[in-house]
């Protein structure tokens, strides 16, 4: 097996969904006994800025931009996350709109991954 360069590894990670990247991190923990996310958090921040300032907001609004071709799956996800009725969830899937407000960035990324798996386009505001 050929050795991959760091750039090739990063390029392959860019093509993965967040859930696939999480699987890679879990496999690294299992294989090497090292948590790569702990190393990233412990890294010094350049310029003396705090890590929270570089990450951006701690909460975001998850907005559905487009439902894509598989509207039924998107409607189900909207209903799961919002508790709305079928008609209201269908309106959001058809016209776009805010799915959930004030969501932590981790939860928002998980939601985005699930919506993208269903073929939808999601934005954070």
Protein backbone atom coordinates (compact mmCIF):
# COMPACT_ATOMS: atom_id res chain seq x y z
CA UNK A 1 0.00 0.00 0.00
CA UNK A 2 1.39 3.38 -1.01
CA UNK A 3 2.00 5.97 1.68
CA UNK A 4 -0.37 8.94 1.42
CA UNK A 5 0.86 12.47 1.90
CA UNK A 6 -0.79 14.74 4.46
CA UNK A 7 -2.29 16.80 1.60
CA UNK A 8 -3.83 13.67 0.03
CA UNK A 9 -5.37 12.73 3.37
CA UNK A 10 -6.84 16.22 3.82
CA UNK A 11 -8.18 16.19 0.25
CA UNK A 12 -9.90 12.86 0.90
CA UNK A 13 -11.39 14.22 4.15
CA UNK A 14 -12.84 17.17 2.24
CA UNK A 15 -14.87 14.73 0.14
CA UNK A 16 -16.38 12.98 3.19
CA UNK A 17 -19.52 13.80 5.13
CA UNK A 18 -19.23 14.70 8.81
CA UNK A 19 -20.49 11.27 9.80
CA UNK A 20 -17.77 9.59 7.71
CA UNK A 21 -15.11 11.83 9.28
CA UNK A 22 -16.42 10.92 12.73
CA UNK A 23 -15.98 7.24 11.82
CA UNK A 24 -12.37 7.95 10.82
CA UNK A 25 -11.73 9.72 14.13
CA UNK A 26 -13.26 6.81 16.05
CA UNK A 27 -11.09 4.33 14.12
CA UNK A 28 -7.99 6.43 14.91
CA UNK A 29 -8.89 6.36 18.60
CA UNK A 30 -9.32 2.60 18.46
CA UNK A 31 -6.23 1.85 16.36
CA UNK A 32 -3.70 4.24 17.90
CA UNK A 33 -5.22 5.03 21.29
CA UNK A 34 -5.06 8.74 20.51
CA UNK A 35 -7.92 11.20 20.25
CA UNK A 36 -7.03 13.45 17.27
CA UNK A 37 -9.69 15.99 18.25
CA UNK A 38 -7.98 16.48 21.63
CA UNK A 39 -4.73 17.30 19.85
CA UNK A 40 -6.49 19.85 17.66
CA UNK A 41 -8.08 21.52 20.70
CA UNK A 42 -4.79 21.61 22.59
CA UNK A 43 -2.93 23.28 19.71
CA UNK A 44 -1.89 26.88 20.43
CA UNK A 45 -3.95 29.60 18.79
CA UNK A 46 -2.03 31.96 16.52
CA UNK A 47 -2.04 35.68 17.28
CA UNK A 48 -3.29 35.23 20.83
CA UNK A 49 -6.94 35.08 19.73
CA UNK A 50 -9.21 32.78 21.68
CA UNK A 51 -10.40 29.54 20.09
CA UNK A 52 -14.03 30.57 20.52
CA UNK A 53 -13.48 33.71 18.46
CA UNK A 54 -11.95 31.73 15.58
CA UNK A 55 -14.67 29.09 15.57
CA UNK A 56 -17.46 31.58 15.06
CA UNK A 57 -20.82 31.61 16.78
CA UNK A 58 -21.60 28.89 19.29
CA UNK A 59 -25.23 28.66 18.14
CA UNK A 60 -26.74 28.93 14.68
CA UNK A 61 -30.09 28.77 12.95
CA UNK A 62 -30.50 25.80 10.61
CA UNK A 63 -32.25 26.92 7.42
CA UNK A 64 -33.46 24.60 4.67
CA UNK A 65 -32.47 26.16 1.33
CA UNK A 66 -33.68 23.36 -0.95
CA UNK A 67 -35.35 20.01 -0.35
CA UNK A 68 -33.85 18.39 -3.42
CA UNK A 69 -35.43 15.43 -5.18
CA UNK A 70 -36.31 13.32 -2.12
CA UNK A 71 -38.88 15.59 -0.46
CA UNK A 72 -40.53 12.85 1.55
CA UNK A 73 -37.32 12.08 3.45
CA UNK A 74 -36.73 15.80 4.00
CA UNK A 75 -40.29 16.30 5.29
CA UNK A 76 -39.73 13.44 7.76
CA UNK A 77 -36.50 15.04 8.98
CA UNK A 78 -38.19 18.45 9.38
CA UNK A 79 -40.96 16.81 11.40
CA UNK A 80 -38.43 14.94 13.56
CA UNK A 81 -36.45 18.08 14.38
CA UNK A 82 -39.35 20.50 14.79
CA UNK A 83 -42.33 18.46 15.94
CA UNK A 84 -44.44 20.24 13.30
CA UNK A 85 -47.39 18.66 11.59
CA UNK A 86 -47.25 17.22 8.10
CA UNK A 87 -48.61 20.34 6.37
CA UNK A 88 -46.20 22.72 8.12
CA UNK A 89 -43.22 20.45 7.48
CA UNK A 90 -44.22 20.14 3.81
CA UNK A 91 -44.43 23.95 3.55
CA UNK A 92 -40.85 24.25 4.85
CA UNK A 93 -39.68 21.53 2.44
CA UNK A 94 -41.43 23.21 -0.50
CA UNK A 95 -40.53 26.83 0.24
CA UNK A 96 -37.45 26.55 2.46
CA UNK A 97 -37.21 28.18 5.84
CA UNK A 98 -35.84 27.86 9.32
CA UNK A 99 -35.87 24.32 10.63
CA UNK A 100 -34.46 25.05 14.09
CA UNK A 101 -33.12 28.16 15.83
CA UNK A 102 -30.35 28.52 18.42
CA UNK A 103 -28.79 25.12 17.75
CA UNK A 104 -25.25 24.32 18.89
CA UNK A 105 -22.79 24.08 16.01
CA UNK A 106 -22.20 20.37 16.69
CA UNK A 107 -25.91 19.57 16.54
CA UNK A 108 -26.29 21.81 13.48
CA UNK A 109 -23.54 19.92 11.67
CA UNK A 110 -25.21 16.61 12.50
CA UNK A 111 -28.53 17.95 11.20
CA UNK A 112 -26.86 19.22 8.04
CA UNK A 113 -25.28 15.81 7.42
CA UNK A 114 -28.65 14.06 7.74
CA UNK A 115 -30.37 16.58 5.46
CA UNK A 116 -27.59 16.27 2.88
CA UNK A 117 -27.91 12.47 2.97
CA UNK A 118 -31.58 12.99 2.07
CA UNK A 119 -30.54 15.27 -0.82
CA UNK A 120 -31.43 18.62 0.75
CA UNK A 121 -29.35 21.79 0.96
CA UNK A 122 -29.03 23.38 4.40
CA UNK A 123 -27.47 26.69 5.45
CA UNK A 124 -26.47 28.10 8.82
CA UNK A 125 -27.38 31.67 9.72
